[in-house]
N, C-alpha and C. Protein backbone atom coordinates (compact mmCIF):
# COMPACT_ATOMS: atom_id res chain seq x y z
N MET A 1 -2.67 39.72 65.66
CA MET A 1 -2.89 38.31 65.98
C MET A 1 -1.92 37.88 67.07
N THR A 2 -2.42 37.23 68.12
CA THR A 2 -1.56 36.80 69.22
C THR A 2 -0.71 35.61 68.81
N ALA A 3 0.34 35.35 69.62
CA ALA A 3 1.21 34.21 69.34
C ALA A 3 0.42 32.91 69.41
N ASP A 4 -0.50 32.81 70.40
CA ASP A 4 -1.31 31.59 70.53
C ASP A 4 -2.18 31.38 69.30
N THR A 5 -2.80 32.45 68.81
CA THR A 5 -3.65 32.34 67.62
C THR A 5 -2.84 31.93 66.41
N ARG A 6 -1.65 32.50 66.26
CA ARG A 6 -0.79 32.13 65.13
C ARG A 6 -0.42 30.66 65.21
N SER A 7 -0.14 30.16 66.41
CA SER A 7 0.24 28.76 66.57
C SER A 7 -0.92 27.82 66.28
N GLN A 8 -2.13 28.20 66.71
CA GLN A 8 -3.29 27.34 66.52
C GLN A 8 -3.68 27.25 65.05
N GLY A 9 -3.58 28.36 64.32
CA GLY A 9 -3.88 28.36 62.90
C GLY A 9 -5.37 28.41 62.61
N ILE A 10 -5.67 28.75 61.38
CA ILE A 10 -7.05 28.79 60.89
C ILE A 10 -7.06 28.25 59.47
N GLY A 11 -8.24 27.84 59.01
CA GLY A 11 -8.36 27.39 57.62
C GLY A 11 -7.43 26.25 57.30
N MET A 12 -6.53 26.45 56.33
CA MET A 12 -5.61 25.40 55.88
C MET A 12 -4.50 25.11 56.89
N THR A 13 -4.45 25.88 58.00
CA THR A 13 -3.47 25.60 59.04
C THR A 13 -4.16 25.19 60.35
N SER A 14 -5.43 24.83 60.28
CA SER A 14 -6.22 24.53 61.46
C SER A 14 -5.94 23.13 62.00
N ALA A 15 -6.52 22.86 63.18
CA ALA A 15 -6.35 21.54 63.82
C ALA A 15 -6.91 20.44 62.93
N ARG A 16 -8.00 20.70 62.23
CA ARG A 16 -8.59 19.68 61.36
C ARG A 16 -7.62 19.29 60.25
N THR A 17 -6.94 20.27 59.69
CA THR A 17 -5.96 19.99 58.63
C THR A 17 -4.79 19.19 59.18
N ARG A 18 -4.35 19.51 60.39
CA ARG A 18 -3.25 18.78 61.01
C ARG A 18 -3.66 17.34 61.31
N ASP A 19 -4.88 17.15 61.79
CA ASP A 19 -5.36 15.79 62.07
C ASP A 19 -5.37 14.94 60.81
N ARG A 20 -5.72 15.55 59.70
CA ARG A 20 -5.73 14.82 58.43
C ARG A 20 -4.32 14.38 58.07
N LEU A 21 -3.34 15.25 58.29
CA LEU A 21 -1.94 14.89 58.03
C LEU A 21 -1.50 13.75 58.94
N VAL A 22 -1.85 13.81 60.21
CA VAL A 22 -1.45 12.76 61.16
C VAL A 22 -2.05 11.41 60.76
N ARG A 23 -3.29 11.41 60.33
CA ARG A 23 -3.90 10.15 59.89
C ARG A 23 -3.16 9.58 58.68
N ARG A 24 -2.75 10.46 57.80
CA ARG A 24 -2.01 9.99 56.62
C ARG A 24 -0.67 9.37 57.02
N LEU A 25 0.04 10.03 57.94
CA LEU A 25 1.33 9.50 58.37
C LEU A 25 1.16 8.16 59.08
N ALA A 26 0.13 8.04 59.89
CA ALA A 26 -0.13 6.78 60.58
C ALA A 26 -0.38 5.66 59.58
N SER A 27 -1.09 5.98 58.49
CA SER A 27 -1.37 4.96 57.47
C SER A 27 -0.12 4.57 56.71
N GLN A 28 0.93 5.42 56.76
CA GLN A 28 2.19 5.14 56.07
C GLN A 28 3.21 4.46 56.99
N GLY A 29 2.81 4.14 58.22
CA GLY A 29 3.69 3.37 59.08
C GLY A 29 4.30 4.11 60.25
N ILE A 30 3.97 5.37 60.43
CA ILE A 30 4.44 6.08 61.63
C ILE A 30 3.52 5.66 62.77
N ASP A 31 4.05 4.87 63.71
CA ASP A 31 3.20 4.29 64.75
C ASP A 31 3.62 4.65 66.17
N GLU A 32 4.60 5.53 66.31
CA GLU A 32 5.01 5.99 67.63
C GLU A 32 4.08 7.14 68.06
N PRO A 33 3.24 6.94 69.08
CA PRO A 33 2.23 7.95 69.44
C PRO A 33 2.82 9.32 69.77
N THR A 34 3.98 9.36 70.44
CA THR A 34 4.54 10.65 70.81
C THR A 34 5.00 11.43 69.58
N VAL A 35 5.44 10.73 68.55
CA VAL A 35 5.85 11.39 67.32
C VAL A 35 4.63 11.95 66.60
N LEU A 36 3.58 11.17 66.49
CA LEU A 36 2.36 11.65 65.84
C LEU A 36 1.80 12.86 66.58
N GLU A 37 1.87 12.86 67.90
CA GLU A 37 1.36 13.99 68.66
C GLU A 37 2.20 15.24 68.42
N ARG A 38 3.51 15.08 68.27
CA ARG A 38 4.36 16.24 67.95
C ARG A 38 4.05 16.78 66.56
N ILE A 39 3.81 15.91 65.59
CA ILE A 39 3.44 16.38 64.26
C ILE A 39 2.12 17.14 64.33
N ARG A 40 1.20 16.67 65.15
CA ARG A 40 -0.08 17.35 65.29
C ARG A 40 0.07 18.71 65.97
N SER A 41 0.92 18.78 66.98
CA SER A 41 0.96 19.98 67.82
C SER A 41 1.93 21.06 67.37
N VAL A 42 2.98 20.70 66.64
CA VAL A 42 3.94 21.72 66.21
C VAL A 42 3.36 22.49 65.03
N PRO A 43 3.27 23.81 65.12
CA PRO A 43 2.67 24.63 64.05
C PRO A 43 3.62 24.80 62.86
N ARG A 44 3.59 23.86 61.95
CA ARG A 44 4.53 23.88 60.82
C ARG A 44 4.40 25.16 59.99
N HIS A 45 3.21 25.76 59.98
CA HIS A 45 3.02 26.97 59.17
C HIS A 45 3.87 28.14 59.68
N LEU A 46 4.33 28.08 60.92
CA LEU A 46 5.20 29.14 61.44
C LEU A 46 6.64 28.99 60.96
N PHE A 47 6.97 27.85 60.37
CA PHE A 47 8.34 27.58 59.95
C PHE A 47 8.56 27.79 58.45
N VAL A 48 7.53 28.22 57.74
CA VAL A 48 7.64 28.48 56.31
C VAL A 48 7.26 29.93 56.03
N ASP A 49 7.59 30.38 54.84
CA ASP A 49 7.20 31.73 54.43
C ASP A 49 5.68 31.86 54.47
N GLU A 50 5.21 33.04 54.83
CA GLU A 50 3.76 33.25 54.96
C GLU A 50 3.02 32.91 53.68
N ALA A 51 3.66 33.13 52.53
CA ALA A 51 3.02 32.83 51.25
C ALA A 51 2.80 31.33 51.05
N LEU A 52 3.53 30.50 51.80
CA LEU A 52 3.41 29.05 51.67
C LEU A 52 2.63 28.43 52.83
N ALA A 53 2.10 29.26 53.73
CA ALA A 53 1.44 28.74 54.93
C ALA A 53 0.28 27.81 54.61
N SER A 54 -0.45 28.08 53.53
CA SER A 54 -1.60 27.24 53.18
C SER A 54 -1.18 25.84 52.76
N ARG A 55 0.11 25.65 52.46
CA ARG A 55 0.63 24.34 52.05
C ARG A 55 1.40 23.65 53.18
N ALA A 56 1.41 24.23 54.35
CA ALA A 56 2.27 23.75 55.43
C ALA A 56 1.94 22.34 55.86
N TYR A 57 0.68 21.92 55.74
CA TYR A 57 0.29 20.59 56.22
C TYR A 57 0.06 19.60 55.09
N GLU A 58 0.59 19.94 53.92
CA GLU A 58 0.75 18.95 52.87
C GLU A 58 1.96 18.09 53.24
N ASP A 59 1.97 16.86 52.77
CA ASP A 59 3.12 16.00 53.04
C ASP A 59 4.15 16.21 51.94
N SER A 60 4.77 17.39 51.95
CA SER A 60 5.74 17.73 50.92
C SER A 60 6.80 18.65 51.50
N ALA A 61 7.99 18.61 50.89
CA ALA A 61 9.05 19.54 51.25
C ALA A 61 8.75 20.90 50.65
N LEU A 62 9.20 21.96 51.32
CA LEU A 62 8.96 23.32 50.86
C LEU A 62 10.26 24.12 50.99
N PRO A 63 10.46 25.11 50.11
CA PRO A 63 11.69 25.91 50.19
C PRO A 63 11.68 26.84 51.39
N ILE A 64 12.87 27.05 51.99
CA ILE A 64 13.00 27.99 53.10
C ILE A 64 14.10 29.02 52.82
N GLY A 65 14.61 29.06 51.59
CA GLY A 65 15.67 29.99 51.24
C GLY A 65 17.04 29.38 51.42
N HIS A 66 18.05 30.08 50.87
CA HIS A 66 19.45 29.65 50.97
C HIS A 66 19.68 28.26 50.37
N GLY A 67 18.83 27.87 49.40
CA GLY A 67 18.96 26.57 48.78
C GLY A 67 18.56 25.42 49.67
N GLN A 68 17.86 25.70 50.78
CA GLN A 68 17.46 24.69 51.75
C GLN A 68 15.96 24.44 51.69
N THR A 69 15.52 23.35 52.30
CA THR A 69 14.09 23.02 52.33
C THR A 69 13.70 22.59 53.74
N ILE A 70 12.41 22.71 54.04
CA ILE A 70 11.83 22.08 55.20
C ILE A 70 11.37 20.70 54.74
N SER A 71 11.83 19.66 55.41
CA SER A 71 11.53 18.30 54.96
C SER A 71 10.04 18.00 55.04
N GLN A 72 9.60 17.06 54.21
CA GLN A 72 8.20 16.66 54.26
C GLN A 72 7.89 16.03 55.61
N PRO A 73 6.68 16.21 56.13
CA PRO A 73 6.34 15.70 57.46
C PRO A 73 6.60 14.21 57.64
N PHE A 74 6.36 13.39 56.61
CA PHE A 74 6.61 11.96 56.76
C PHE A 74 8.07 11.70 57.09
N ILE A 75 8.99 12.37 56.42
CA ILE A 75 10.41 12.14 56.66
C ILE A 75 10.80 12.65 58.04
N VAL A 76 10.27 13.80 58.45
CA VAL A 76 10.54 14.32 59.80
C VAL A 76 10.07 13.30 60.84
N ALA A 77 8.86 12.78 60.65
CA ALA A 77 8.31 11.80 61.59
C ALA A 77 9.13 10.52 61.58
N LEU A 78 9.51 10.04 60.40
CA LEU A 78 10.28 8.80 60.30
C LEU A 78 11.64 8.93 60.97
N MET A 79 12.32 10.05 60.74
CA MET A 79 13.65 10.24 61.35
C MET A 79 13.54 10.37 62.85
N THR A 80 12.52 11.07 63.32
CA THR A 80 12.31 11.21 64.76
C THR A 80 12.02 9.85 65.38
N GLN A 81 11.14 9.09 64.75
CA GLN A 81 10.80 7.76 65.24
C GLN A 81 12.03 6.85 65.26
N ALA A 82 12.88 6.98 64.25
CA ALA A 82 14.07 6.13 64.17
C ALA A 82 15.07 6.43 65.27
N VAL A 83 15.08 7.67 65.78
CA VAL A 83 15.98 8.03 66.87
C VAL A 83 15.47 7.51 68.21
N ILE A 84 14.15 7.56 68.41
CA ILE A 84 13.63 7.30 69.76
C ILE A 84 12.98 5.93 69.92
N SER A 85 12.89 5.13 68.86
CA SER A 85 12.26 3.81 69.02
C SER A 85 12.80 2.82 68.01
N ASP A 86 12.66 1.53 68.35
CA ASP A 86 12.97 0.45 67.43
C ASP A 86 12.14 -0.76 67.82
N GLU A 87 12.52 -1.94 67.36
CA GLU A 87 11.73 -3.13 67.64
C GLU A 87 11.60 -3.42 69.13
N SER A 88 12.56 -2.97 69.91
CA SER A 88 12.54 -3.25 71.35
C SER A 88 11.69 -2.26 72.13
N GLY A 89 11.23 -1.21 71.50
CA GLY A 89 10.37 -0.24 72.18
C GLY A 89 10.87 1.17 72.05
N THR A 90 10.32 2.04 72.89
CA THR A 90 10.64 3.47 72.86
C THR A 90 11.66 3.80 73.93
N ILE A 91 12.61 4.65 73.58
CA ILE A 91 13.59 5.14 74.53
C ILE A 91 13.50 6.67 74.57
N ARG A 92 14.15 7.27 75.54
CA ARG A 92 14.26 8.72 75.60
C ARG A 92 15.74 9.06 75.61
N PRO A 93 16.35 9.26 74.44
CA PRO A 93 17.78 9.55 74.41
C PRO A 93 18.09 10.80 75.24
N GLU A 94 19.15 10.74 76.01
CA GLU A 94 19.48 11.88 76.87
C GLU A 94 20.12 13.01 76.08
N LYS A 95 21.05 12.68 75.18
CA LYS A 95 21.74 13.71 74.40
C LYS A 95 21.66 13.36 72.92
N VAL A 96 21.11 14.29 72.14
CA VAL A 96 20.98 14.07 70.70
C VAL A 96 21.55 15.28 69.97
N LEU A 97 22.25 15.01 68.88
CA LEU A 97 22.81 16.05 68.03
C LEU A 97 22.03 16.08 66.72
N GLU A 98 21.59 17.27 66.34
CA GLU A 98 20.97 17.48 65.03
C GLU A 98 21.92 18.29 64.17
N ILE A 99 22.19 17.81 62.97
CA ILE A 99 23.06 18.52 62.04
C ILE A 99 22.20 19.06 60.91
N GLY A 100 22.11 20.39 60.84
CA GLY A 100 21.26 21.05 59.86
C GLY A 100 19.97 21.52 60.50
N THR A 101 20.05 22.58 61.31
CA THR A 101 18.87 23.12 61.98
C THR A 101 17.84 23.59 60.98
N GLY A 102 18.30 24.22 59.89
CA GLY A 102 17.37 24.75 58.89
C GLY A 102 16.42 25.75 59.52
N CYS A 103 15.13 25.59 59.25
CA CYS A 103 14.13 26.49 59.80
C CYS A 103 13.76 26.15 61.23
N GLY A 104 14.19 24.99 61.73
CA GLY A 104 13.92 24.60 63.10
C GLY A 104 12.73 23.68 63.29
N TYR A 105 12.08 23.26 62.21
CA TYR A 105 10.89 22.41 62.36
C TYR A 105 11.24 21.03 62.91
N GLN A 106 12.22 20.37 62.32
CA GLN A 106 12.64 19.06 62.85
C GLN A 106 13.09 19.21 64.31
N THR A 107 13.78 20.29 64.62
CA THR A 107 14.22 20.56 65.99
C THR A 107 13.03 20.62 66.93
N ALA A 108 11.99 21.33 66.52
CA ALA A 108 10.80 21.51 67.36
C ALA A 108 10.05 20.20 67.58
N VAL A 109 10.01 19.36 66.56
CA VAL A 109 9.34 18.06 66.69
C VAL A 109 10.11 17.17 67.65
N LEU A 110 11.43 17.14 67.53
CA LEU A 110 12.26 16.19 68.28
C LEU A 110 12.53 16.61 69.72
N ALA A 111 12.71 17.90 69.97
CA ALA A 111 13.25 18.37 71.24
C ALA A 111 12.53 17.83 72.48
N PRO A 112 11.19 17.86 72.55
CA PRO A 112 10.53 17.39 73.77
C PRO A 112 10.65 15.88 74.00
N LEU A 113 11.12 15.15 73.00
CA LEU A 113 11.20 13.69 73.10
C LEU A 113 12.57 13.21 73.55
N VAL A 114 13.50 14.15 73.80
CA VAL A 114 14.85 13.81 74.24
C VAL A 114 15.21 14.65 75.46
N GLY A 115 16.29 14.27 76.13
CA GLY A 115 16.71 15.04 77.29
C GLY A 115 17.22 16.41 76.91
N GLN A 116 18.24 16.44 76.04
CA GLN A 116 18.79 17.70 75.55
C GLN A 116 19.16 17.54 74.09
N LEU A 117 18.84 18.56 73.31
CA LEU A 117 19.11 18.54 71.88
C LEU A 117 20.14 19.61 71.54
N PHE A 118 21.18 19.20 70.86
CA PHE A 118 22.22 20.10 70.37
C PHE A 118 22.05 20.20 68.86
N THR A 119 21.97 21.41 68.33
CA THR A 119 21.72 21.55 66.90
C THR A 119 22.70 22.51 66.25
N ILE A 120 23.19 22.15 65.08
CA ILE A 120 24.20 22.91 64.34
C ILE A 120 23.63 23.33 62.99
N GLU A 121 23.86 24.59 62.62
CA GLU A 121 23.46 25.09 61.30
C GLU A 121 24.60 25.92 60.72
N ARG A 122 24.90 25.70 59.44
CA ARG A 122 26.01 26.40 58.81
C ARG A 122 25.62 27.80 58.31
N VAL A 123 24.31 28.06 58.12
CA VAL A 123 23.83 29.36 57.62
C VAL A 123 23.36 30.18 58.82
N GLY A 124 24.09 31.23 59.13
CA GLY A 124 23.82 31.99 60.34
C GLY A 124 22.43 32.58 60.41
N SER A 125 21.92 33.11 59.30
CA SER A 125 20.59 33.74 59.32
C SER A 125 19.49 32.71 59.59
N LEU A 126 19.64 31.49 59.05
CA LEU A 126 18.66 30.44 59.34
C LEU A 126 18.69 30.06 60.82
N LEU A 127 19.89 29.99 61.38
CA LEU A 127 20.02 29.63 62.79
C LEU A 127 19.33 30.66 63.69
N ARG A 128 19.52 31.94 63.37
CA ARG A 128 18.90 32.99 64.19
C ARG A 128 17.37 32.91 64.12
N GLN A 129 16.85 32.67 62.92
CA GLN A 129 15.41 32.56 62.78
C GLN A 129 14.87 31.34 63.53
N ALA A 130 15.57 30.22 63.44
CA ALA A 130 15.13 29.01 64.13
C ALA A 130 15.14 29.22 65.63
N ARG A 131 16.17 29.84 66.15
CA ARG A 131 16.26 30.09 67.59
C ARG A 131 15.08 30.94 68.05
N SER A 132 14.72 31.95 67.26
CA SER A 132 13.60 32.81 67.61
C SER A 132 12.28 32.05 67.61
N ARG A 133 12.07 31.19 66.62
CA ARG A 133 10.83 30.42 66.54
C ARG A 133 10.70 29.46 67.73
N LEU A 134 11.78 28.78 68.06
CA LEU A 134 11.70 27.84 69.18
C LEU A 134 11.49 28.55 70.50
N ARG A 135 12.07 29.73 70.64
CA ARG A 135 11.83 30.51 71.86
C ARG A 135 10.37 30.90 71.94
N GLU A 136 9.79 31.30 70.81
CA GLU A 136 8.37 31.67 70.77
C GLU A 136 7.47 30.50 71.18
N LEU A 137 7.89 29.29 70.84
CA LEU A 137 7.10 28.10 71.16
C LEU A 137 7.40 27.54 72.55
N GLY A 138 8.32 28.17 73.27
CA GLY A 138 8.61 27.75 74.62
C GLY A 138 9.44 26.48 74.73
N ILE A 139 10.21 26.17 73.69
CA ILE A 139 11.07 24.97 73.70
C ILE A 139 12.44 25.38 74.21
N GLY A 140 12.82 24.87 75.38
CA GLY A 140 14.01 25.39 76.04
C GLY A 140 15.16 24.43 76.21
N ASN A 141 15.04 23.18 75.76
CA ASN A 141 16.11 22.21 75.99
C ASN A 141 17.02 22.05 74.76
N VAL A 142 17.19 23.13 74.00
CA VAL A 142 17.98 23.09 72.77
C VAL A 142 19.16 24.05 72.90
N ARG A 143 20.36 23.56 72.53
CA ARG A 143 21.53 24.41 72.42
C ARG A 143 21.90 24.56 70.94
N PHE A 144 22.13 25.78 70.52
CA PHE A 144 22.36 26.11 69.11
C PHE A 144 23.83 26.41 68.87
N ARG A 145 24.28 26.06 67.66
CA ARG A 145 25.65 26.38 67.28
C ARG A 145 25.71 26.72 65.80
N HIS A 146 26.36 27.83 65.47
CA HIS A 146 26.65 28.18 64.08
C HIS A 146 27.99 27.54 63.75
N GLY A 147 27.95 26.50 62.90
CA GLY A 147 29.19 25.79 62.64
C GLY A 147 29.07 24.82 61.49
N ASP A 148 30.13 24.07 61.28
CA ASP A 148 30.25 23.09 60.21
C ASP A 148 29.76 21.74 60.73
N GLY A 149 28.61 21.31 60.23
CA GLY A 149 28.03 20.05 60.70
C GLY A 149 28.87 18.83 60.39
N MET A 150 29.73 18.92 59.37
CA MET A 150 30.60 17.78 59.05
C MET A 150 31.49 17.42 60.23
N GLU A 151 31.76 18.39 61.10
CA GLU A 151 32.64 18.16 62.24
C GLU A 151 31.89 17.65 63.46
N GLY A 152 30.56 17.66 63.41
CA GLY A 152 29.79 17.30 64.59
C GLY A 152 29.98 18.33 65.69
N TRP A 153 29.90 17.87 66.94
CA TRP A 153 30.09 18.77 68.09
C TRP A 153 30.95 18.02 69.09
N PRO A 154 32.26 17.93 68.84
CA PRO A 154 33.14 17.08 69.65
C PRO A 154 33.11 17.43 71.13
N GLY A 155 32.95 18.70 71.46
CA GLY A 155 32.97 19.11 72.86
C GLY A 155 31.80 18.60 73.67
N GLN A 156 30.74 18.15 73.00
CA GLN A 156 29.57 17.62 73.69
C GLN A 156 29.41 16.11 73.50
N ALA A 157 30.22 15.51 72.67
CA ALA A 157 30.14 14.06 72.42
C ALA A 157 30.56 13.30 73.67
N PRO A 158 30.11 12.03 73.82
CA PRO A 158 29.33 11.26 72.84
C PRO A 158 27.83 11.51 72.97
N PHE A 159 27.10 11.16 71.88
CA PHE A 159 25.66 11.36 71.81
C PHE A 159 24.93 10.02 71.75
N ASP A 160 23.72 10.02 72.29
CA ASP A 160 22.86 8.84 72.20
C ASP A 160 22.17 8.76 70.85
N GLY A 161 22.12 9.88 70.15
CA GLY A 161 21.54 9.92 68.81
C GLY A 161 22.11 11.09 68.03
N ILE A 162 22.29 10.91 66.74
CA ILE A 162 22.67 11.99 65.83
C ILE A 162 21.73 11.91 64.64
N LEU A 163 21.15 13.04 64.28
CA LEU A 163 20.21 13.11 63.17
C LEU A 163 20.70 14.17 62.19
N THR A 164 20.83 13.80 60.94
CA THR A 164 21.39 14.69 59.92
C THR A 164 20.34 15.00 58.87
N THR A 165 20.10 16.29 58.63
CA THR A 165 19.04 16.70 57.72
C THR A 165 19.56 17.13 56.35
N ALA A 166 20.77 16.71 56.02
CA ALA A 166 21.35 16.90 54.69
C ALA A 166 22.20 15.68 54.41
N ALA A 167 22.47 15.42 53.13
CA ALA A 167 23.05 14.13 52.74
C ALA A 167 24.50 14.24 52.29
N PRO A 168 25.41 13.57 53.00
CA PRO A 168 26.76 13.38 52.46
C PRO A 168 26.74 12.22 51.46
N GLU A 169 27.76 12.12 50.64
CA GLU A 169 27.81 10.99 49.71
C GLU A 169 28.22 9.70 50.42
N ARG A 170 28.91 9.83 51.54
CA ARG A 170 29.19 8.67 52.39
C ARG A 170 29.20 9.14 53.84
N ILE A 171 29.00 8.24 54.75
CA ILE A 171 28.85 8.59 56.16
C ILE A 171 30.18 9.07 56.72
N PRO A 172 30.23 10.27 57.30
CA PRO A 172 31.49 10.78 57.86
C PRO A 172 31.92 9.99 59.10
N ASP A 173 33.16 9.55 59.13
CA ASP A 173 33.70 8.86 60.30
C ASP A 173 33.62 9.74 61.55
N THR A 174 33.73 11.06 61.34
CA THR A 174 33.67 11.99 62.47
C THR A 174 32.38 11.81 63.26
N LEU A 175 31.28 11.62 62.56
CA LEU A 175 29.99 11.46 63.24
C LEU A 175 29.89 10.10 63.92
N LEU A 176 30.37 9.07 63.27
CA LEU A 176 30.33 7.74 63.86
C LEU A 176 31.10 7.72 65.18
N ARG A 177 32.23 8.41 65.23
CA ARG A 177 33.05 8.42 66.44
C ARG A 177 32.38 9.16 67.58
N GLN A 178 31.39 10.00 67.28
CA GLN A 178 30.73 10.79 68.33
C GLN A 178 29.48 10.11 68.88
N LEU A 179 29.24 8.85 68.48
CA LEU A 179 28.12 8.09 69.02
C LEU A 179 28.52 7.31 70.27
N ASN A 180 27.62 7.28 71.24
CA ASN A 180 27.74 6.36 72.37
C ASN A 180 27.57 4.93 71.89
N ILE A 181 28.01 3.96 72.67
CA ILE A 181 27.64 2.57 72.42
C ILE A 181 26.11 2.47 72.55
N GLY A 182 25.48 1.91 71.55
CA GLY A 182 24.02 1.88 71.51
C GLY A 182 23.41 3.10 70.86
N GLY A 183 24.22 4.12 70.58
CA GLY A 183 23.72 5.33 69.94
C GLY A 183 23.40 5.11 68.47
N ARG A 184 22.51 5.95 67.95
CA ARG A 184 22.00 5.78 66.58
C ARG A 184 22.26 7.03 65.75
N LEU A 185 22.77 6.82 64.58
CA LEU A 185 22.93 7.90 63.59
C LEU A 185 21.86 7.71 62.53
N ILE A 186 21.00 8.72 62.37
CA ILE A 186 19.97 8.71 61.33
C ILE A 186 20.43 9.68 60.25
N ILE A 187 20.71 9.16 59.05
CA ILE A 187 21.38 9.99 58.06
C ILE A 187 21.01 9.59 56.64
N PRO A 188 20.67 10.57 55.78
CA PRO A 188 20.53 10.27 54.36
C PRO A 188 21.91 10.23 53.72
N VAL A 189 22.14 9.27 52.84
CA VAL A 189 23.46 9.07 52.27
C VAL A 189 23.35 8.87 50.76
N GLY A 190 24.26 9.51 50.02
CA GLY A 190 24.32 9.27 48.58
C GLY A 190 24.28 10.55 47.78
N PRO A 191 24.58 10.46 46.47
CA PRO A 191 24.53 11.63 45.61
C PRO A 191 23.09 12.01 45.31
N PRO A 192 22.85 13.25 44.86
CA PRO A 192 21.49 13.68 44.50
C PRO A 192 20.85 12.69 43.52
N GLY A 193 19.61 12.32 43.82
CA GLY A 193 18.89 11.40 42.95
C GLY A 193 19.08 9.94 43.29
N TRP A 194 19.98 9.64 44.26
CA TRP A 194 20.23 8.24 44.61
C TRP A 194 20.63 8.16 46.08
N GLN A 195 19.71 8.54 46.94
CA GLN A 195 20.01 8.61 48.36
C GLN A 195 19.16 7.61 49.14
N GLU A 196 19.73 7.12 50.23
CA GLU A 196 19.02 6.22 51.13
C GLU A 196 19.09 6.78 52.55
N LEU A 197 17.98 6.67 53.27
CA LEU A 197 17.98 7.04 54.68
C LEU A 197 18.43 5.83 55.48
N MET A 198 19.49 6.00 56.27
CA MET A 198 20.10 4.91 57.02
C MET A 198 19.99 5.14 58.53
N ARG A 199 19.85 4.06 59.27
CA ARG A 199 20.03 4.09 60.72
C ARG A 199 21.25 3.25 61.03
N VAL A 200 22.26 3.89 61.61
CA VAL A 200 23.51 3.22 61.97
C VAL A 200 23.60 3.19 63.48
N THR A 201 23.67 2.01 64.06
CA THR A 201 23.73 1.83 65.51
C THR A 201 25.12 1.38 65.91
N ARG A 202 25.72 2.09 66.85
CA ARG A 202 27.05 1.70 67.33
C ARG A 202 26.93 0.56 68.33
N THR A 203 27.70 -0.48 68.13
CA THR A 203 27.72 -1.62 69.04
C THR A 203 29.12 -1.75 69.65
N GLU A 204 29.26 -2.69 70.55
CA GLU A 204 30.58 -2.96 71.14
C GLU A 204 31.58 -3.38 70.08
N ASP A 205 31.10 -3.99 69.02
CA ASP A 205 31.98 -4.56 67.99
C ASP A 205 32.10 -3.72 66.72
N GLY A 206 31.29 -2.67 66.59
CA GLY A 206 31.33 -1.89 65.35
C GLY A 206 30.03 -1.15 65.14
N PHE A 207 29.48 -1.27 63.93
CA PHE A 207 28.29 -0.53 63.57
C PHE A 207 27.33 -1.41 62.78
N ASP A 208 26.07 -1.40 63.20
CA ASP A 208 25.01 -2.08 62.45
C ASP A 208 24.30 -1.06 61.58
N ARG A 209 24.10 -1.39 60.31
CA ARG A 209 23.49 -0.46 59.36
C ARG A 209 22.16 -1.01 58.86
N GLU A 210 21.16 -0.13 58.84
CA GLU A 210 19.81 -0.51 58.42
C GLU A 210 19.27 0.54 57.45
N ARG A 211 18.81 0.08 56.31
CA ARG A 211 18.20 0.99 55.34
C ARG A 211 16.74 1.21 55.72
N LEU A 212 16.32 2.50 55.78
CA LEU A 212 14.94 2.82 56.13
C LEU A 212 14.08 3.10 54.90
N CYS A 213 14.57 3.90 53.95
CA CYS A 213 13.81 4.17 52.72
C CYS A 213 14.67 5.02 51.79
N GLY A 214 14.21 5.17 50.55
CA GLY A 214 14.83 6.09 49.62
C GLY A 214 14.36 7.51 49.92
N VAL A 215 15.26 8.49 49.76
CA VAL A 215 14.94 9.87 50.10
C VAL A 215 15.61 10.83 49.11
N SER A 216 15.27 12.11 49.25
CA SER A 216 15.91 13.15 48.46
C SER A 216 16.17 14.35 49.36
N PHE A 217 17.45 14.58 49.70
CA PHE A 217 17.85 15.68 50.57
C PHE A 217 18.83 16.58 49.85
N VAL A 218 18.96 17.80 50.34
CA VAL A 218 20.03 18.69 49.86
C VAL A 218 21.36 18.12 50.32
N PRO A 219 22.45 18.42 49.62
CA PRO A 219 23.76 17.89 50.03
C PRO A 219 24.22 18.46 51.38
N LEU A 220 24.97 17.67 52.13
CA LEU A 220 25.61 18.13 53.35
C LEU A 220 26.89 18.85 52.96
N LEU A 221 26.96 20.13 53.28
CA LEU A 221 28.09 20.96 52.90
C LEU A 221 28.92 21.32 54.12
N GLY A 222 30.22 21.52 53.90
CA GLY A 222 31.10 21.97 54.96
C GLY A 222 31.15 23.48 55.01
N GLY A 223 31.85 24.01 56.01
CA GLY A 223 32.01 25.44 56.14
C GLY A 223 30.77 26.13 56.70
N THR A 224 30.83 27.47 56.76
CA THR A 224 29.73 28.27 57.28
C THR A 224 29.50 29.48 56.37
N GLU A 225 28.33 30.07 56.53
CA GLU A 225 28.04 31.33 55.82
C GLU A 225 27.06 32.16 56.64
């Protein structure tokens, strides 16, 4: 099977199945057209184990190993939308940091919508797999780092957006300091079972905080493996 055929999918991974998912997300409030198009076009079935490919376009999280998950499409779309748009319209952030590359699906959805995406993953084997998948898909504006996401990426700061795919119990000051004025941190916060997805915008005077929805993410851990 060619790479193009694998990306296009068949049966439960076909374009019809993806269109059904996009319609569902639109009905749930995802209204940024570029985000919906990325959800439609990114082959999510390539980011999960082959045994789970038939479930790739369900709106649910799925295991990817190492105690990690690929987030449900609604949450991926919501976080992406929260980085690139708000009540004032759509922007194209020039520099965005993603903490928690995981399998690379969120990375693939977000990357074409920003100038350059920097992504950090603490599990080396996951990072290598994600880099390979994104290369296969021809996504070239991503820089990868095997490191501790709690520290951010100080050498590349400040960022116009930071998106975190795992939840600390409280927002790390380290990440807040790496935001540009006007930059947005999209982050799940709280202990397991009691988490909220927040958008924190840096202003001249401090930080504005907005609750987006309740969520359930794996904990944000320090260190590497």
